């Protein structure tokens, strides 16, 4: 499922290689480094893919200080859903994407700032 709304675009891909390819495609269409994010179920995998793809991770700037602090006390699933919602997606979309991440997939999000 791909989602396009006025604020953000998301694409679920099967693995890190496809995430890197998707980030490159987005850059070729005019998205800047600051506009492209990757998210995987584990933080370590997110770090590795973001570094390889030269993409961002969703952090305090996108989430806000309250949600960033709250994430310290949330389960990983709750944290992922909160991060996705902070990028402009609905709770239902966040739940769908989080289930895809549970299956080992990677979420690439592009959001023009």
N, C-alpha and C. Protein backbone atom coordinates (compact mmCIF):
# COMPACT_ATOMS: atom_id res chain seq x y z
N UNK A 1 0.84 -1.18 0.00
CA UNK A 1 0.00 0.00 0.00
C UNK A 1 0.87 1.23 0.00
N UNK A 2 0.64 2.11 -0.91
CA UNK A 2 1.29 3.41 -0.93
C UNK A 2 0.25 4.43 -0.52
N UNK A 3 0.68 5.46 0.17
CA UNK A 3 -0.26 6.50 0.57
C UNK A 3 0.29 7.84 0.14
N UNK A 4 -0.55 8.63 -0.44
CA UNK A 4 -0.16 9.97 -0.81
C UNK A 4 -1.21 10.91 -0.26
N UNK A 5 -0.79 11.82 0.59
CA UNK A 5 -1.70 12.85 1.04
C UNK A 5 -1.00 14.18 0.89
N UNK A 6 -1.65 15.24 1.28
CA UNK A 6 -1.08 16.57 1.07
C UNK A 6 0.23 16.75 1.82
N UNK A 7 0.45 15.96 2.84
CA UNK A 7 1.63 16.18 3.65
C UNK A 7 2.77 15.20 3.40
N UNK A 8 2.46 13.96 3.12
CA UNK A 8 3.54 12.98 3.03
C UNK A 8 3.20 11.86 2.06
N UNK A 9 4.25 11.20 1.59
CA UNK A 9 4.16 10.06 0.70
C UNK A 9 4.84 8.91 1.41
N UNK A 10 4.27 7.73 1.32
CA UNK A 10 4.90 6.56 1.95
C UNK A 10 4.89 5.39 0.99
N UNK A 11 5.94 4.60 1.08
CA UNK A 11 6.03 3.38 0.28
C UNK A 11 6.63 2.28 1.15
N UNK A 12 5.95 1.15 1.17
CA UNK A 12 6.46 -0.02 1.87
C UNK A 12 7.28 -0.83 0.88
N UNK A 13 8.52 -1.17 1.26
CA UNK A 13 9.38 -1.98 0.41
C UNK A 13 9.79 -3.23 1.17
N UNK A 14 10.27 -4.21 0.45
CA UNK A 14 10.57 -5.52 1.03
C UNK A 14 11.84 -5.55 1.87
N UNK A 15 12.84 -4.71 1.52
CA UNK A 15 14.14 -4.81 2.20
C UNK A 15 14.93 -3.52 2.07
N UNK A 16 16.12 -3.53 2.66
CA UNK A 16 16.98 -2.35 2.64
C UNK A 16 17.44 -1.96 1.26
N UNK A 17 17.69 -2.93 0.40
CA UNK A 17 18.13 -2.62 -0.97
C UNK A 17 17.04 -1.84 -1.70
N UNK A 18 15.81 -2.29 -1.58
CA UNK A 18 14.70 -1.56 -2.22
C UNK A 18 14.50 -0.20 -1.58
N UNK A 19 14.76 -0.08 -0.28
CA UNK A 19 14.65 1.22 0.38
C UNK A 19 15.66 2.20 -0.20
N UNK A 20 16.90 1.74 -0.39
CA UNK A 20 17.94 2.60 -0.98
C UNK A 20 17.52 3.04 -2.38
N UNK A 21 17.00 2.12 -3.18
CA UNK A 21 16.54 2.45 -4.53
C UNK A 21 15.41 3.47 -4.50
N UNK A 22 14.48 3.30 -3.58
CA UNK A 22 13.34 4.22 -3.46
C UNK A 22 13.81 5.61 -3.05
N UNK A 23 14.76 5.67 -2.12
CA UNK A 23 15.30 6.97 -1.70
C UNK A 23 15.96 7.66 -2.89
N UNK A 24 16.72 6.92 -3.69
CA UNK A 24 17.36 7.50 -4.88
C UNK A 24 16.31 8.03 -5.86
N UNK A 25 15.24 7.26 -6.07
CA UNK A 25 14.16 7.70 -6.97
C UNK A 25 13.53 9.00 -6.46
N UNK A 26 13.29 9.07 -5.16
CA UNK A 26 12.70 10.29 -4.59
C UNK A 26 13.63 11.48 -4.74
N UNK A 27 14.93 11.27 -4.56
CA UNK A 27 15.89 12.36 -4.75
C UNK A 27 15.88 12.84 -6.20
N UNK A 28 15.74 11.90 -7.13
CA UNK A 28 15.71 12.27 -8.54
C UNK A 28 14.46 13.05 -8.91
N UNK A 29 13.41 12.96 -8.09
CA UNK A 29 12.19 13.72 -8.36
C UNK A 29 12.13 15.02 -7.57
N UNK A 30 13.22 15.38 -6.89
CA UNK A 30 13.29 16.68 -6.24
C UNK A 30 13.24 16.70 -4.73
N UNK A 31 13.10 15.56 -4.08
CA UNK A 31 13.12 15.55 -2.62
C UNK A 31 14.55 15.73 -2.13
N UNK A 32 14.73 16.52 -1.08
CA UNK A 32 16.04 16.76 -0.49
C UNK A 32 16.31 15.76 0.64
N UNK A 33 17.53 15.75 1.11
CA UNK A 33 17.92 14.87 2.23
C UNK A 33 16.96 15.04 3.40
N UNK A 34 16.64 16.29 3.71
CA UNK A 34 15.78 16.61 4.86
C UNK A 34 14.36 16.10 4.70
N UNK A 35 13.98 15.71 3.49
CA UNK A 35 12.60 15.34 3.18
C UNK A 35 12.35 13.83 3.18
N UNK A 36 13.39 13.01 3.26
CA UNK A 36 13.23 11.57 3.06
C UNK A 36 13.64 10.82 4.33
N UNK A 37 12.75 9.93 4.78
CA UNK A 37 12.93 9.19 6.02
C UNK A 37 12.75 7.70 5.77
N UNK A 38 13.44 6.89 6.56
CA UNK A 38 13.23 5.44 6.51
C UNK A 38 12.92 4.95 7.92
N UNK A 39 12.14 3.87 7.97
CA UNK A 39 11.74 3.30 9.25
C UNK A 39 11.62 1.80 9.10
N UNK A 40 12.28 1.08 10.00
CA UNK A 40 12.19 -0.38 10.05
C UNK A 40 11.76 -0.75 11.47
N UNK A 41 11.42 -2.01 11.68
CA UNK A 41 10.92 -2.39 13.00
C UNK A 41 11.98 -2.24 14.08
N UNK A 42 13.20 -2.65 13.82
CA UNK A 42 14.24 -2.49 14.84
C UNK A 42 14.98 -1.17 14.63
N UNK A 43 15.37 -0.56 15.73
CA UNK A 43 16.11 0.70 15.65
C UNK A 43 17.45 0.50 14.95
N UNK A 44 18.12 -0.62 15.23
CA UNK A 44 19.41 -0.90 14.61
C UNK A 44 19.28 -0.97 13.09
N UNK A 45 18.25 -1.66 12.63
CA UNK A 45 18.04 -1.78 11.18
C UNK A 45 17.70 -0.43 10.57
N UNK A 46 16.90 0.37 11.27
CA UNK A 46 16.59 1.72 10.79
C UNK A 46 17.87 2.52 10.64
N UNK A 47 18.75 2.46 11.64
CA UNK A 47 20.02 3.18 11.61
C UNK A 47 20.86 2.77 10.40
N UNK A 48 20.97 1.45 10.19
CA UNK A 48 21.80 0.95 9.09
C UNK A 48 21.24 1.37 7.73
N UNK A 49 19.94 1.23 7.55
CA UNK A 49 19.33 1.57 6.26
C UNK A 49 19.41 3.08 6.02
N UNK A 50 19.14 3.87 7.04
CA UNK A 50 19.22 5.33 6.89
C UNK A 50 20.63 5.75 6.50
N UNK A 51 21.63 5.15 7.12
CA UNK A 51 23.01 5.47 6.78
C UNK A 51 23.37 5.08 5.36
N UNK A 52 22.96 3.90 4.95
CA UNK A 52 23.26 3.42 3.60
C UNK A 52 22.51 4.21 2.55
N UNK A 53 21.26 4.53 2.82
CA UNK A 53 20.42 5.23 1.84
C UNK A 53 20.64 6.73 1.87
N UNK A 54 21.39 7.22 2.85
CA UNK A 54 21.58 8.66 3.05
C UNK A 54 20.22 9.33 3.24
N UNK A 55 19.45 8.76 4.15
CA UNK A 55 18.12 9.27 4.47
C UNK A 55 18.06 9.59 5.96
N UNK A 56 17.01 10.24 6.35
CA UNK A 56 16.82 10.63 7.74
C UNK A 56 16.09 9.56 8.53
N UNK A 57 16.17 9.69 9.85
CA UNK A 57 15.33 8.93 10.76
C UNK A 57 14.35 9.92 11.37
N UNK A 58 13.18 9.44 11.72
CA UNK A 58 12.18 10.31 12.33
C UNK A 58 12.63 10.58 13.76
N UNK A 59 12.83 11.86 14.08
CA UNK A 59 13.35 12.21 15.39
C UNK A 59 12.53 13.30 16.06
N UNK A 60 13.16 13.97 17.01
CA UNK A 60 12.48 14.97 17.81
C UNK A 60 11.93 16.12 16.95
N UNK A 61 12.66 16.50 15.94
CA UNK A 61 12.21 17.60 15.08
C UNK A 61 10.85 17.28 14.45
N UNK A 62 10.67 16.05 14.01
CA UNK A 62 9.42 15.64 13.37
C UNK A 62 8.34 15.30 14.39
N UNK A 63 8.73 14.66 15.48
CA UNK A 63 7.77 14.19 16.48
C UNK A 63 7.36 15.25 17.49
N UNK A 64 8.26 16.14 17.80
CA UNK A 64 8.03 17.07 18.89
C UNK A 64 8.61 16.50 20.16
N UNK A 65 8.90 17.36 21.10
CA UNK A 65 9.57 16.93 22.31
C UNK A 65 8.71 15.98 23.15
N UNK A 66 7.41 16.26 23.27
CA UNK A 66 6.56 15.41 24.10
C UNK A 66 6.53 13.98 23.60
N UNK A 67 6.28 13.79 22.28
CA UNK A 67 6.22 12.43 21.74
C UNK A 67 7.58 11.74 21.81
N UNK A 68 8.65 12.49 21.59
CA UNK A 68 9.99 11.89 21.68
C UNK A 68 10.25 11.36 23.09
N UNK A 69 9.88 12.13 24.09
CA UNK A 69 10.05 11.67 25.47
C UNK A 69 9.12 10.52 25.79
N UNK A 70 7.88 10.60 25.32
CA UNK A 70 6.91 9.53 25.57
C UNK A 70 7.39 8.22 24.95
N UNK A 71 8.09 8.29 23.83
CA UNK A 71 8.57 7.08 23.16
C UNK A 71 9.54 6.28 24.03
N UNK A 72 10.17 6.94 24.99
CA UNK A 72 11.07 6.23 25.89
C UNK A 72 10.33 5.20 26.73
N UNK A 73 9.03 5.40 26.89
CA UNK A 73 8.22 4.54 27.75
C UNK A 73 7.23 3.68 26.97
N UNK A 74 7.24 3.77 25.67
CA UNK A 74 6.30 3.03 24.83
C UNK A 74 6.93 1.73 24.34
N UNK A 75 6.05 0.78 23.98
CA UNK A 75 6.54 -0.42 23.30
C UNK A 75 7.04 0.00 21.93
N UNK A 76 7.81 -0.86 21.29
CA UNK A 76 8.33 -0.51 19.96
C UNK A 76 7.18 -0.29 18.97
N UNK A 77 6.14 -1.09 19.02
CA UNK A 77 5.00 -0.92 18.12
C UNK A 77 4.32 0.41 18.33
N UNK A 78 4.10 0.80 19.59
CA UNK A 78 3.49 2.09 19.89
C UNK A 78 4.38 3.23 19.42
N UNK A 79 5.69 3.07 19.63
CA UNK A 79 6.64 4.09 19.20
C UNK A 79 6.61 4.26 17.68
N UNK A 80 6.60 3.15 16.96
CA UNK A 80 6.56 3.22 15.49
C UNK A 80 5.29 3.91 15.01
N UNK A 81 4.16 3.54 15.58
CA UNK A 81 2.89 4.18 15.18
C UNK A 81 2.92 5.67 15.48
N UNK A 82 3.47 6.06 16.62
CA UNK A 82 3.56 7.48 16.97
C UNK A 82 4.46 8.23 15.98
N UNK A 83 5.56 7.62 15.58
CA UNK A 83 6.45 8.25 14.61
C UNK A 83 5.74 8.44 13.26
N UNK A 84 5.00 7.43 12.84
CA UNK A 84 4.30 7.51 11.55
C UNK A 84 3.21 8.58 11.61
N UNK A 85 2.46 8.63 12.69
CA UNK A 85 1.43 9.66 12.84
C UNK A 85 2.06 11.05 12.83
N UNK A 86 3.23 11.19 13.45
CA UNK A 86 3.90 12.50 13.49
C UNK A 86 4.28 13.00 12.10
N UNK A 87 4.32 12.09 11.14
CA UNK A 87 4.66 12.47 9.76
C UNK A 87 3.42 12.85 8.95
N UNK A 88 2.25 12.84 9.58
CA UNK A 88 1.05 13.30 8.91
C UNK A 88 0.07 12.21 8.51
N UNK A 89 0.30 11.00 8.94
CA UNK A 89 -0.59 9.89 8.59
C UNK A 89 -1.63 9.68 9.69
N UNK A 90 -2.73 9.05 9.32
CA UNK A 90 -3.79 8.77 10.29
C UNK A 90 -3.38 7.60 11.18
N UNK A 91 -4.13 7.41 12.26
CA UNK A 91 -3.89 6.27 13.14
C UNK A 91 -4.06 4.95 12.39
N UNK A 92 -5.07 4.89 11.51
CA UNK A 92 -5.32 3.67 10.74
C UNK A 92 -4.16 3.38 9.79
N UNK A 93 -3.66 4.42 9.12
CA UNK A 93 -2.51 4.23 8.23
C UNK A 93 -1.29 3.78 9.04
N UNK A 94 -1.09 4.40 10.20
CA UNK A 94 0.05 4.05 11.05
C UNK A 94 -0.03 2.60 11.49
N UNK A 95 -1.23 2.14 11.83
CA UNK A 95 -1.41 0.74 12.24
C UNK A 95 -1.08 -0.20 11.09
N UNK A 96 -1.53 0.14 9.88
CA UNK A 96 -1.23 -0.68 8.70
C UNK A 96 0.29 -0.75 8.48
N UNK A 97 0.94 0.41 8.46
CA UNK A 97 2.38 0.44 8.20
C UNK A 97 3.16 -0.30 9.30
N UNK A 98 2.73 -0.16 10.54
CA UNK A 98 3.43 -0.85 11.63
C UNK A 98 3.33 -2.36 11.48
N UNK A 99 2.20 -2.85 11.01
CA UNK A 99 2.05 -4.30 10.77
C UNK A 99 2.99 -4.75 9.66
N UNK A 100 3.15 -3.92 8.64
CA UNK A 100 4.10 -4.24 7.57
C UNK A 100 5.53 -4.28 8.10
N UNK A 101 5.87 -3.36 8.99
CA UNK A 101 7.20 -3.35 9.59
C UNK A 101 7.41 -4.61 10.44
N UNK A 102 6.35 -5.07 11.10
CA UNK A 102 6.42 -6.32 11.88
C UNK A 102 6.82 -7.50 10.99
N UNK A 103 6.46 -7.44 9.71
CA UNK A 103 6.76 -8.52 8.77
C UNK A 103 8.16 -8.40 8.17
N UNK A 104 8.94 -7.41 8.64
CA UNK A 104 10.31 -7.25 8.16
C UNK A 104 10.47 -6.29 7.02
N UNK A 105 9.40 -5.60 6.64
CA UNK A 105 9.47 -4.64 5.55
C UNK A 105 10.00 -3.31 6.05
N UNK A 106 10.26 -2.41 5.12
CA UNK A 106 10.82 -1.10 5.43
C UNK A 106 9.86 -0.04 4.88
N UNK A 107 9.69 1.03 5.63
CA UNK A 107 8.83 2.13 5.21
C UNK A 107 9.71 3.31 4.82
N UNK A 108 9.47 3.83 3.62
CA UNK A 108 10.16 5.03 3.15
C UNK A 108 9.11 6.13 3.09
N UNK A 109 9.40 7.24 3.73
CA UNK A 109 8.47 8.37 3.78
C UNK A 109 9.16 9.60 3.20
N UNK A 110 8.44 10.32 2.37
CA UNK A 110 8.93 11.59 1.83
C UNK A 110 7.94 12.66 2.22
N UNK A 111 8.46 13.72 2.82
CA UNK A 111 7.60 14.80 3.28
C UNK A 111 8.33 16.11 3.01
N UNK A 112 7.78 16.90 2.12
CA UNK A 112 8.41 18.20 1.82
C UNK A 112 8.24 19.12 3.02
N UNK A 113 9.36 19.72 3.40
CA UNK A 113 9.30 20.62 4.57
C UNK A 113 8.93 22.02 4.18
